[in-house]
Amino acid sequence: MHLKRILSVLLMLTVLLPSAGATQQPAQDDMRGVWVSSIYNIDYPSAQGLTADQLRAEADTILDNVAAMELNTVFLQVRPSADALYDSDIFPASRYVSGTVGQSPDGDFDVLAYWVEAAHERGLQLHAWINPYRITKDGQSEYDALPEDSPAKQHPEWTVVYEDNYYFNPGLPAVQDLVVDGAAEIVRKYDVDGIHLDDYFYPGTDFADEATFIRYGEDFDDIGDWRRDNVNQLIAALDETLHEIDPTLSFGVSPAGIWDNRRDNPKGSDTQGRSSYREVYCDSVEWIKAGTVDYICPQLYWSIGYEVADFEVLVNWWQQVVATSDVALYIGIGAYRAAEAEPGDTWYGTEELQRQLDLLDRSIDIQGEVFFSYSSLQNIDGCADMLRTHYTGTKQPDNNTDNNMQQNTLLDLMGRFIASLFCAS
């Protein structure tokens, strides 16, 4: 009789134990991230043409400083345009490392491989940040310098010139495949923790894709709806493909902070700024509803109380959007504004950054924040100390640690109960 009771209790308590193989939301809680930008050598590398030893040393310094500020995640820009800071069979090596597009860094140094290993050694996560459609930032001369094996040179029919720069045409199925294949290549080759897209989708409303719309947009009356659907399809394809390769991978996007303004859309925020929905055809609300991203990280690069786009108003609006979803919400914070501020400016010093962090700590549906960018955090007097102090007091325990504690507690209870049954007999 006692044996049956013991077995019954064991079965009941085993059901309560968290499963070691249970699927978890890939997006992490307690995100404390920073963008490390390679475009124009903003953050890394500091200059083009550095030696492999210099590239390693700069990476080590950045990662050491990130860890010292109590941050836990780096979003490294590995494809600033149609190029690669990694060993790619699809895109040419980035000029921002070697100095010449298509030319490998000194000693064939693999930037991404080193960053992933060095980040993990310090207990940091590393997300690979890519720009999906941009080909050039410096116009015709940059395009002319691309090697002949660049997909932009091999397929000029995939490209559109907009305000003197080249972009891949998002309406072409072949371009969507190119972006997905490029991201999949990274995940297959490198132990990255995530793939991250920024806020650059269609570059503007007068993008010259009318012929593509006529060919592929027969199901749409409005070219804007068709453009948004093209981006939606890309996001869904990335979500499916990347998670087939690595189910634990975190995939997300950092859209511009204003989805749409209430004056134009009753579902929009009480703001008057640039609408990502209407101007770059980025329907991030649809991705949240469809669950095709693990997290969303809107760039809320304004101060609390700013009339055109109030940080607090937007924080509340985004919380409402994700409230009934399983998509994690991180907030992009514009540290660069403090780095550029003059005395007397709202952003000067660390007070505005501290106010924003305190507001986020009081919020319910926010899992963390990401700062733009690393150099800015270093250039703000007292910022590193402020972040270290803030996070030392607010850090949350690791989810795995929580699970282990729960399991140990239940196992201890099981042992005590079973022992008591034997004693009673």
Protein backbone atom coordinates (compact mmCIF):
# COMPACT_ATOMS: atom_id res chain seq x y z
CA MET A 1 0.00 0.00 0.00
CA HIS A 2 2.78 2.37 0.94
CA LEU A 3 4.62 1.57 -2.30
CA LYS A 4 1.58 2.52 -4.39
CA ARG A 5 1.28 5.79 -2.50
CA ILE A 6 4.97 6.52 -3.05
CA LEU A 7 4.73 5.81 -6.79
CA SER A 8 1.63 7.98 -7.05
CA VAL A 9 3.37 10.89 -5.34
CA LEU A 10 6.47 10.47 -7.50
CA LEU A 11 4.36 10.59 -10.67
CA MET A 12 2.51 13.71 -9.50
CA LEU A 13 5.69 15.58 -8.58
CA THR A 14 7.47 14.53 -11.77
CA VAL A 15 4.71 16.19 -13.79
CA LEU A 16 5.38 19.41 -11.90
CA LEU A 17 9.10 19.42 -12.72
CA PRO A 18 10.08 21.65 -15.68
CA SER A 19 11.08 19.54 -18.66
CA ALA A 20 14.74 19.84 -19.59
CA GLY A 21 13.80 19.59 -23.25
CA ALA A 22 10.89 22.03 -23.12
CA THR A 23 10.84 24.64 -25.86
CA GLN A 24 11.49 28.14 -24.56
CA GLN A 25 10.90 31.52 -26.13
CA PRO A 26 14.15 32.22 -28.03
CA ALA A 27 14.11 35.90 -27.06
CA GLN A 28 15.77 36.46 -23.72
CA ASP A 29 14.44 38.36 -20.71
CA ASP A 30 16.52 41.05 -19.06
CA MET A 31 18.04 42.22 -22.34
CA ARG A 32 20.82 44.74 -21.79
CA GLY A 33 22.16 45.20 -25.28
CA VAL A 34 24.27 47.55 -27.35
CA TRP A 35 24.58 48.03 -31.09
CA VAL A 36 28.13 47.90 -32.44
CA SER A 37 28.03 49.58 -35.83
CA SER A 38 30.51 48.97 -38.64
CA ILE A 39 29.04 51.35 -41.23
CA TYR A 40 31.47 54.24 -41.72
CA ASN A 41 33.56 52.61 -38.94
CA ILE A 42 31.33 54.19 -36.28
CA ASP A 43 32.16 51.62 -33.60
CA TYR A 44 34.23 48.80 -35.10
CA PRO A 45 36.72 48.61 -36.55
CA SER A 46 37.97 52.09 -35.73
CA ALA A 47 39.61 52.37 -39.16
CA GLN A 48 39.93 50.42 -42.39
CA GLY A 49 42.97 48.30 -43.13
CA LEU A 50 43.88 47.31 -39.57
CA THR A 51 46.01 44.25 -38.95
CA ALA A 52 44.49 41.07 -37.56
CA ASP A 53 46.11 41.74 -34.19
CA GLN A 54 44.63 45.24 -34.09
CA LEU A 55 41.20 43.89 -35.00
CA ARG A 56 41.41 41.35 -32.18
CA ALA A 57 42.59 43.94 -29.68
CA GLU A 58 39.77 46.37 -30.54
CA ALA A 59 37.19 43.60 -30.25
CA ASP A 60 38.56 42.56 -26.87
CA THR A 61 38.47 46.13 -25.57
CA ILE A 62 34.88 46.65 -26.68
CA LEU A 63 33.70 43.36 -25.21
CA ASP A 64 35.53 43.97 -21.94
CA ASN A 65 33.90 47.40 -21.66
CA VAL A 66 30.47 45.98 -22.53
CA ALA A 67 30.77 43.40 -19.77
CA ALA A 68 32.06 46.02 -17.31
CA MET A 69 28.94 48.14 -17.96
CA GLU A 70 26.84 45.10 -16.95
CA LEU A 71 25.41 44.75 -20.46
CA ASN A 72 24.84 41.21 -21.68
CA THR A 73 24.31 41.30 -25.46
CA VAL A 74 26.13 42.73 -28.48
CA PHE A 75 24.37 43.40 -31.79
CA LEU A 76 27.30 43.41 -34.21
CA GLN A 77 26.69 44.88 -37.65
CA VAL A 78 28.07 42.18 -39.93
CA ARG A 79 26.39 43.26 -43.18
CA PRO A 80 26.20 47.07 -43.30
CA SER A 81 25.42 46.98 -47.03
CA ALA A 82 25.66 44.13 -49.56
CA ASP A 83 28.93 43.05 -47.93
CA ALA A 84 30.18 40.82 -45.14
CA LEU A 85 32.30 41.03 -41.98
CA TYR A 86 32.48 37.24 -42.11
CA ASP A 87 33.46 34.46 -44.47
CA SER A 88 30.68 34.51 -47.07
CA ASP A 89 30.09 32.66 -50.31
CA ILE A 90 27.35 35.15 -51.22
CA PHE A 91 28.50 38.68 -50.35
CA PRO A 92 31.93 40.27 -50.85
CA ALA A 93 34.19 41.10 -47.92
CA SER A 94 33.39 44.51 -46.44
CA ARG A 95 35.49 47.55 -47.24
CA TYR A 96 34.94 48.75 -43.69
CA VAL A 97 37.44 46.11 -42.53
CA SER A 98 40.06 45.71 -45.26
CA GLY A 99 39.64 49.08 -46.94
CA THR A 100 38.69 47.53 -50.28
CA VAL A 101 35.40 45.79 -50.97
CA GLY A 102 35.98 42.15 -51.86
CA GLN A 103 39.40 42.06 -50.23
CA SER A 104 39.80 39.85 -47.18
CA PRO A 105 41.12 41.35 -43.93
CA ASP A 106 44.75 40.93 -42.93
CA GLY A 107 45.56 37.24 -42.54
CA ASP A 108 42.01 36.30 -43.65
CA PHE A 109 40.86 37.36 -40.19
CA ASP A 110 37.22 36.33 -39.68
CA VAL A 111 35.62 39.16 -37.71
CA LEU A 112 32.40 37.38 -36.82
CA ALA A 113 34.07 34.13 -35.79
CA TYR A 114 36.33 36.00 -33.39
CA TRP A 115 33.54 38.13 -31.94
CA VAL A 116 31.29 35.13 -31.31
CA GLU A 117 33.99 33.21 -29.48
CA ALA A 118 35.23 36.23 -27.52
CA ALA A 119 31.69 37.29 -26.54
CA HIS A 120 30.79 33.82 -25.30
CA GLU A 121 34.00 33.61 -23.28
CA ARG A 122 32.78 36.69 -21.39
CA GLY A 123 29.26 35.36 -20.90
CA LEU A 124 27.82 37.73 -23.51
CA GLN A 125 25.41 36.93 -26.32
CA LEU A 126 26.26 37.89 -29.89
CA HIS A 127 23.57 38.74 -32.42
CA ALA A 128 24.50 39.22 -36.09
CA TRP A 129 22.97 42.46 -37.39
CA ILE A 130 22.27 42.71 -41.13
CA ASN A 131 20.84 45.31 -43.48
CA PRO A 132 18.61 43.46 -45.96
CA TYR A 133 18.32 45.71 -49.03
CA ARG A 134 21.01 48.40 -49.01
CA ILE A 135 23.81 48.02 -51.56
CA THR A 136 25.59 51.38 -51.35
CA LYS A 137 25.90 54.40 -49.08
CA ASP A 138 28.26 56.41 -51.29
CA GLY A 139 26.57 56.23 -54.65
CA GLN A 140 27.86 55.25 -58.04
CA SER A 141 31.53 55.06 -57.10
CA GLU A 142 30.79 52.51 -54.40
CA TYR A 143 28.70 50.44 -56.81
CA ASP A 144 31.40 50.57 -59.48
CA ALA A 145 33.96 49.29 -56.94
CA LEU A 146 31.93 46.15 -56.17
CA PRO A 147 33.61 42.97 -57.44
CA GLU A 148 32.02 41.18 -60.35
CA ASP A 149 30.90 38.28 -58.17
CA SER A 150 28.77 40.58 -56.00
CA PRO A 151 25.08 39.66 -56.36
CA ALA A 152 24.42 43.33 -57.15
CA LYS A 153 26.79 43.13 -60.12
CA GLN A 154 25.71 39.65 -61.22
CA HIS A 155 22.06 40.70 -61.20
CA PRO A 156 21.72 44.40 -62.00
CA GLU A 157 18.06 43.68 -62.74
CA TRP A 158 17.59 43.12 -59.00
CA THR A 159 18.68 46.67 -58.20
CA VAL A 160 16.96 50.06 -58.06
CA VAL A 161 18.66 53.44 -57.81
CA TYR A 162 17.10 55.74 -55.24
CA GLU A 163 18.55 59.17 -54.44
CA ASP A 164 21.88 58.21 -56.03
CA ASN A 165 22.25 54.97 -54.07
CA TYR A 166 21.59 51.36 -55.01
CA TYR A 167 19.13 49.03 -53.31
CA PHE A 168 17.90 45.52 -53.92
CA ASN A 169 14.27 45.54 -55.06
CA PRO A 170 12.17 44.06 -52.21
CA GLY A 171 9.34 43.13 -54.59
CA LEU A 172 11.37 40.50 -56.41
CA PRO A 173 11.11 36.91 -55.12
CA ALA A 174 14.78 36.40 -56.05
CA VAL A 175 15.79 39.25 -53.74
CA GLN A 176 13.79 37.81 -50.87
CA ASP A 177 15.58 34.49 -51.45
CA LEU A 178 18.94 36.28 -51.46
CA VAL A 179 18.29 37.92 -48.09
CA VAL A 180 17.06 34.68 -46.53
CA ASP A 181 19.97 32.67 -47.95
CA GLY A 182 22.43 35.27 -46.67
CA ALA A 183 21.05 35.11 -43.14
CA ALA A 184 20.88 31.30 -43.23
CA GLU A 185 24.54 31.20 -44.26
CA ILE A 186 25.49 33.05 -41.08
CA VAL A 187 23.48 30.74 -38.83
CA ARG A 188 24.90 27.60 -40.43
CA LYS A 189 28.50 28.80 -40.20
CA TYR A 190 28.57 30.62 -36.86
CA ASP A 191 27.32 30.00 -33.34
CA VAL A 192 25.43 33.30 -33.20
CA ASP A 193 22.68 33.77 -30.64
CA GLY A 194 20.47 35.77 -32.96
CA ILE A 195 19.87 37.42 -36.32
CA HIS A 196 18.86 41.07 -36.18
CA LEU A 197 17.51 43.49 -38.80
CA ASP A 198 17.51 47.27 -38.40
CA ASP A 199 14.95 49.81 -39.63
CA TYR A 200 16.02 50.07 -43.28
CA PHE A 201 13.44 48.55 -45.60
CA TYR A 202 12.09 50.52 -48.56
CA PRO A 203 14.17 53.72 -48.66
CA GLY A 204 11.24 55.99 -49.55
CA THR A 205 7.77 56.40 -51.01
CA ASP A 206 8.94 57.26 -54.53
CA PHE A 207 10.97 54.08 -54.94
CA ALA A 208 10.99 53.17 -58.64
CA ASP A 209 9.34 49.74 -58.54
CA GLU A 210 6.19 50.39 -60.58
CA ALA A 211 7.11 47.76 -63.18
CA THR A 212 7.65 45.20 -60.44
CA PHE A 213 4.25 46.08 -58.96
CA ILE A 214 2.58 45.53 -62.32
CA ARG A 215 4.26 42.13 -62.62
CA TYR A 216 3.84 40.82 -59.06
CA GLY A 217 1.20 42.98 -57.38
CA GLU A 218 -1.95 41.78 -59.14
CA ASP A 219 -3.59 40.91 -55.81
CA PHE A 220 -3.23 44.49 -54.52
CA ASP A 221 -4.98 47.72 -55.45
CA ASP A 222 -2.51 49.87 -53.55
CA ILE A 223 1.25 49.78 -54.12
CA GLY A 224 1.84 50.63 -50.44
CA ASP A 225 -0.05 47.54 -49.27
CA TRP A 226 1.93 45.45 -51.76
CA ARG A 227 5.24 46.84 -50.51
CA ARG A 228 4.32 46.11 -46.90
CA ASP A 229 3.35 42.58 -47.90
CA ASN A 230 6.74 42.10 -49.55
CA VAL A 231 8.47 42.99 -46.30
CA ASN A 232 6.03 40.83 -44.32
CA GLN A 233 6.84 37.87 -46.55
CA LEU A 234 10.56 38.42 -46.03
CA ILE A 235 10.17 38.52 -42.24
CA ALA A 236 8.04 35.36 -42.26
CA ALA A 237 10.52 33.54 -44.50
CA LEU A 238 13.44 34.52 -42.27
CA ASP A 239 11.54 33.38 -39.19
CA GLU A 240 10.75 29.98 -40.68
CA THR A 241 14.13 29.32 -42.28
CA LEU A 242 16.31 30.45 -39.39
CA HIS A 243 14.35 28.52 -36.79
CA GLU A 244 14.46 25.38 -38.91
CA ILE A 245 18.25 25.63 -38.73
CA ASP A 246 18.37 26.60 -35.05
CA PRO A 247 15.13 26.53 -33.02
CA THR A 248 16.85 28.33 -30.14
CA LEU A 249 17.96 31.26 -32.29
CA SER A 250 16.52 34.68 -31.46
CA PHE A 251 15.23 36.57 -34.51
CA GLY A 252 14.00 40.13 -34.34
CA VAL A 253 13.84 43.57 -35.89
CA SER A 254 14.47 47.10 -34.67
CA PRO A 255 11.96 49.27 -36.55
CA ALA A 256 11.71 53.04 -36.36
CA GLY A 257 9.93 54.02 -33.15
CA ILE A 258 6.67 55.28 -34.68
CA TRP A 259 4.63 52.60 -36.41
CA ASP A 260 1.96 55.09 -37.47
CA ASN A 261 0.53 58.36 -36.16
CA ARG A 262 -2.97 58.52 -34.73
CA ARG A 263 -3.84 61.44 -37.00
CA ASP A 264 -3.55 59.03 -39.95
CA ASN A 265 -4.55 55.81 -38.25
CA PRO A 266 -6.75 55.37 -35.15
CA LYS A 267 -4.57 52.45 -34.11
CA GLY A 268 -1.41 54.56 -34.20
CA SER A 269 0.40 56.40 -31.42
CA ASP A 270 -0.28 59.96 -30.26
CA THR A 271 2.75 61.27 -32.15
CA GLN A 272 3.53 63.45 -35.16
CA GLY A 273 6.77 61.95 -36.46
CA ARG A 274 7.96 59.84 -39.35
CA SER A 275 5.75 56.79 -39.84
CA SER A 276 7.57 53.57 -40.60
CA TYR A 277 4.28 52.05 -41.80
CA ARG A 278 3.77 54.70 -44.50
CA GLU A 279 7.28 55.85 -45.38
CA VAL A 280 9.41 52.69 -45.38
CA TYR A 281 6.55 50.13 -45.56
CA CYS A 282 7.43 48.43 -42.32
CA ASP A 283 4.34 46.88 -40.70
CA SER A 284 5.89 45.71 -37.44
CA VAL A 285 2.47 45.36 -35.79
CA GLU A 286 1.60 42.68 -38.32
CA TRP A 287 4.78 40.74 -37.47
CA ILE A 288 3.82 40.80 -33.81
CA LYS A 289 0.30 39.56 -34.57
CA ALA A 290 1.62 36.83 -36.86
CA GLY A 291 4.36 35.83 -34.42
CA THR A 292 7.02 35.96 -37.15
CA VAL A 293 9.55 37.67 -34.85
CA ASP A 294 10.79 36.55 -31.44
CA TYR A 295 11.25 40.15 -30.33
CA ILE A 296 10.67 43.69 -31.51
CA CYS A 297 12.99 46.54 -30.56
CA PRO A 298 11.52 49.90 -31.63
CA GLN A 299 14.01 52.76 -31.79
CA LEU A 300 12.57 55.29 -29.34
CA TYR A 301 15.25 57.93 -29.83
CA TRP A 302 13.36 60.80 -28.21
CA SER A 303 13.23 62.24 -24.71
CA ILE A 304 10.49 61.90 -22.12
CA GLY A 305 8.06 64.75 -22.71
CA TYR A 306 9.17 65.53 -26.27
CA GLU A 307 5.97 66.79 -27.87
CA VAL A 308 6.39 65.33 -31.37
CA ALA A 309 7.29 61.85 -30.14
CA ASP A 310 7.21 61.40 -26.37
CA PHE A 311 9.34 58.47 -25.18
CA GLU A 312 6.85 57.59 -22.45
CA VAL A 313 3.84 57.77 -24.79
CA LEU A 314 5.57 55.41 -27.21
CA VAL A 315 6.68 53.02 -24.47
CA ASN A 316 3.06 52.70 -23.36
CA TRP A 317 1.83 52.28 -26.95
CA TRP A 318 4.29 49.49 -27.76
CA GLN A 319 3.44 47.70 -24.52
CA GLN A 320 -0.20 47.59 -25.57
CA VAL A 321 0.78 46.14 -28.96
CA VAL A 322 2.74 43.22 -27.51
CA ALA A 323 0.52 42.67 -24.46
CA THR A 324 -1.46 39.75 -25.90
CA SER A 325 1.43 38.24 -27.88
CA ASP A 326 4.43 36.08 -27.04
CA VAL A 327 6.78 38.54 -28.75
CA ALA A 328 9.35 40.10 -26.42
CA LEU A 329 9.61 43.90 -26.35
CA TYR A 330 12.97 45.60 -26.07
CA ILE A 331 13.31 49.38 -26.25
CA GLY A 332 15.97 50.99 -28.41
CA ILE A 333 17.51 53.95 -26.55
CA GLY A 334 19.26 56.78 -28.40
CA ALA A 335 22.43 57.15 -26.34
CA TYR A 336 23.97 58.98 -29.29
CA ARG A 337 21.77 61.96 -28.49
CA ALA A 338 23.43 62.30 -25.10
CA ALA A 339 26.86 61.87 -26.66
CA GLU A 340 26.12 64.74 -29.07
CA ALA A 341 24.31 67.02 -26.59
CA GLU A 342 25.57 70.40 -25.43
CA PRO A 343 25.17 71.82 -21.89
CA GLY A 344 21.57 72.91 -21.33
CA ASP A 345 20.18 70.24 -23.67
CA THR A 346 17.68 67.74 -22.23
CA TRP A 347 20.00 64.95 -23.27
CA TYR A 348 23.19 66.40 -21.78
CA GLY A 349 24.87 64.09 -19.28
CA THR A 350 23.21 60.89 -18.07
CA GLU A 351 20.02 62.20 -16.44
CA GLU A 352 17.71 61.56 -19.40
CA LEU A 353 19.14 58.11 -19.92
CA GLN A 354 18.63 57.36 -16.22
CA ARG A 355 15.04 58.63 -16.36
CA GLN A 356 14.31 56.37 -19.31
CA LEU A 357 15.84 53.33 -17.63
CA ASP A 358 13.83 53.99 -14.46
CA LEU A 359 10.65 54.28 -16.51
CA LEU A 360 11.37 50.97 -18.25
CA ASP A 361 12.04 49.28 -14.92
CA ARG A 362 8.52 50.28 -13.81
CA SER A 363 6.94 48.94 -16.99
CA ILE A 364 5.20 45.59 -17.24
CA ASP A 365 5.62 44.23 -20.77
CA ILE A 366 9.24 45.20 -21.43
CA GLN A 367 12.04 42.65 -21.34
CA GLY A 368 14.98 45.05 -21.67
CA GLU A 369 16.69 47.73 -23.73
CA VAL A 370 19.36 48.18 -26.41
CA PHE A 371 21.58 51.27 -26.72
CA PHE A 372 22.75 52.96 -29.90
CA SER A 373 25.61 52.78 -29.96
CA TYR A 374 28.76 51.51 -28.24
CA SER A 375 30.90 54.59 -28.97
CA SER A 376 28.19 56.86 -27.61
CA LEU A 377 28.13 55.03 -24.29
CA GLN A 378 31.89 55.46 -24.06
CA ASN A 379 31.75 59.16 -24.96
CA ILE A 380 29.17 60.23 -22.35
CA ASP A 381 30.83 61.32 -19.13
CA GLY A 382 29.84 59.05 -16.28
CA CYS A 383 27.67 56.78 -18.44
CA ALA A 384 29.62 53.56 -17.82
CA ASP A 385 29.42 54.06 -14.06
CA MET A 386 25.74 54.95 -14.26
CA LEU A 387 24.91 51.77 -16.19
CA ARG A 388 27.02 49.60 -13.89
CA THR A 389 25.28 51.02 -10.84
CA HIS A 390 21.83 50.76 -12.38
CA TYR A 391 22.15 47.17 -13.53
CA THR A 392 23.91 45.93 -10.44
CA GLY A 393 20.79 46.88 -8.52
CA THR A 394 18.22 45.65 -11.03
CA LYS A 395 19.66 42.52 -12.61
CA GLN A 396 17.22 39.63 -12.76
CA PRO A 397 18.31 36.02 -12.15
CA ASP A 398 19.06 33.93 -15.20
CA ASN A 399 16.10 31.85 -16.43
CA ASN A 400 18.16 28.65 -16.34
CA THR A 401 19.16 29.41 -12.77
CA ASP A 402 15.49 29.87 -11.88
CA ASN A 403 14.60 26.52 -13.47
CA ASN A 404 17.42 24.75 -11.64
CA MET A 405 16.32 26.25 -8.32
CA GLN A 406 12.73 25.14 -8.95
CA GLN A 407 13.84 21.61 -9.83
CA ASN A 408 16.10 21.35 -6.79
CA THR A 409 13.32 22.58 -4.52
CA LEU A 410 10.82 20.05 -5.88
CA LEU A 411 13.36 17.24 -5.69
CA ASP A 412 14.10 18.17 -2.09
CA LEU A 413 10.39 18.11 -1.26
CA MET A 414 10.01 14.74 -2.96
CA GLY A 415 12.87 13.32 -0.92
CA ARG A 416 11.48 14.66 2.35
CA PHE A 417 7.98 13.33 1.60
CA ILE A 418 9.18 9.87 0.61
CA ALA A 419 11.38 9.70 3.71
CA SER A 420 8.41 10.60 5.88
CA LEU A 421 6.32 7.81 4.34
CA PHE A 422 8.98 5.22 5.09
CA CYS A 423 9.35 6.54 8.62
CA ALA A 424 5.59 6.34 9.09
CA SER A 425 5.57 2.70 8.00
